[in-house]
Amino acid sequence: MPDKVLTLREALEHPLRRRIVAHLLEKPGLSVRQLARELGISIGSLTGHLVILERVGLVVEVRHSRKLQLYVNSEVLANKALDHSQARK
């Protein structure tokens, strides 16, 4: 895992991170354990990728009592889409 991912683009270059984001868009609020199980990967592997996605602000953790839920930060995703569409003009 790279020490520092500086951009959203770099974070989404990895296919597993794209799968994580797509899965969370379809099923928001999953726990780390549930997400790992549904993607068929280890929790250890998943957490490393989640750290990168959280670092760029794309994934956020929300704690409800003792349960930690994962969500895609739609504002970051929308800003990226807007930046991309403006760059094409």
Protein backbone atom coordinates (compact mmCIF):
# COMPACT_ATOMS: atom_id res chain seq x y z
CA MET A 1 0.00 0.00 0.00
CA PRO A 2 1.45 3.39 -0.94
CA ASP A 3 2.35 5.70 1.92
CA LYS A 4 0.30 8.53 0.57
CA VAL A 5 -2.31 8.68 -2.13
CA LEU A 6 -2.70 12.31 -3.04
CA THR A 7 -5.60 12.32 -5.47
CA LEU A 8 -8.95 10.68 -5.93
CA ARG A 9 -7.80 9.49 -9.32
CA GLU A 10 -4.84 7.64 -7.79
CA ALA A 11 -7.11 6.05 -5.20
CA LEU A 12 -9.50 4.78 -7.86
CA GLU A 13 -6.77 3.37 -10.11
CA HIS A 14 -6.90 0.09 -8.17
CA PRO A 15 -9.74 -2.20 -9.37
CA LEU A 16 -10.53 -3.46 -5.87
CA ARG A 17 -11.03 0.08 -4.59
CA ARG A 18 -13.41 0.73 -7.49
CA ARG A 19 -15.30 -2.44 -6.51
CA ILE A 20 -15.48 -1.28 -2.88
CA VAL A 21 -16.95 2.08 -3.89
CA ALA A 22 -19.42 0.49 -6.32
CA HIS A 23 -20.54 -2.00 -3.68
CA LEU A 24 -21.02 0.73 -1.06
CA LEU A 25 -23.04 2.76 -3.54
CA GLU A 26 -25.34 -0.24 -4.00
CA LYS A 27 -25.42 -1.18 -0.30
CA PRO A 28 -24.60 1.82 1.89
CA GLY A 29 -24.07 1.32 5.60
CA LEU A 30 -22.31 -2.04 5.53
CA SER A 31 -19.84 -2.88 8.27
CA VAL A 32 -16.25 -3.74 7.42
CA ARG A 33 -16.96 -7.41 8.15
CA GLN A 34 -20.06 -7.47 5.93
CA LEU A 35 -18.26 -5.70 3.09
CA ALA A 36 -15.27 -8.06 3.27
CA ARG A 37 -17.57 -11.08 3.22
CA GLU A 38 -19.63 -9.79 0.28
CA LEU A 39 -16.50 -8.94 -1.74
CA GLY A 40 -14.82 -12.22 -0.84
CA ILE A 41 -11.66 -10.65 0.59
CA SER A 42 -9.98 -10.65 3.99
CA ILE A 43 -10.68 -7.90 6.49
CA GLY A 44 -6.96 -7.10 6.55
CA SER A 45 -6.85 -6.52 2.81
CA LEU A 46 -10.05 -4.49 2.90
CA THR A 47 -8.93 -2.19 5.69
CA GLY A 48 -5.78 -1.20 3.80
CA HIS A 49 -7.86 -0.13 0.82
CA LEU A 50 -10.42 1.61 3.04
CA VAL A 51 -7.64 3.71 4.59
CA ILE A 52 -6.75 5.01 1.13
CA LEU A 53 -10.39 5.70 0.21
CA GLU A 54 -10.92 7.51 3.52
CA ARG A 55 -7.72 9.52 3.06
CA VAL A 56 -9.07 11.06 -0.15
CA GLY A 57 -12.49 11.56 1.45
CA LEU A 58 -14.37 9.13 -0.76
CA VAL A 59 -15.45 6.74 2.00
CA VAL A 60 -16.61 7.80 5.44
CA GLU A 61 -17.16 5.78 8.58
CA VAL A 62 -20.19 6.53 10.71
CA ARG A 63 -20.37 5.08 14.20
CA HIS A 64 -23.76 4.16 15.60
CA SER A 65 -23.23 3.02 19.17
CA ARG A 66 -20.80 0.10 18.78
CA LYS A 67 -21.47 -0.47 15.07
CA LEU A 68 -19.29 1.16 12.43
CA GLN A 69 -20.95 1.69 9.06
CA LEU A 70 -19.32 2.62 5.76
CA TYR A 71 -20.71 5.08 3.23
CA VAL A 72 -19.52 6.71 0.02
CA ASN A 73 -19.13 10.45 0.41
CA SER A 74 -21.40 11.50 -2.44
CA GLU A 75 -20.17 15.11 -2.32
CA VAL A 76 -16.63 14.05 -3.21
CA LEU A 77 -17.94 11.77 -5.95
CA ALA A 78 -20.16 14.53 -7.37
CA ASN A 79 -17.30 17.04 -7.32
CA LYS A 80 -15.08 14.56 -9.19
CA ALA A 81 -17.78 14.05 -11.82
CA LEU A 82 -18.23 17.81 -12.16
CA ASP A 83 -14.48 18.37 -12.50
CA HIS A 84 -14.30 15.66 -15.15
CA SER A 85 -17.19 17.08 -17.18
CA GLN A 86 -15.75 20.62 -17.03
CA ALA A 87 -12.34 19.36 -18.15
CA ARG A 88 -13.94 17.90 -21.30
CA LYS A 89 -15.35 21.27 -22.41
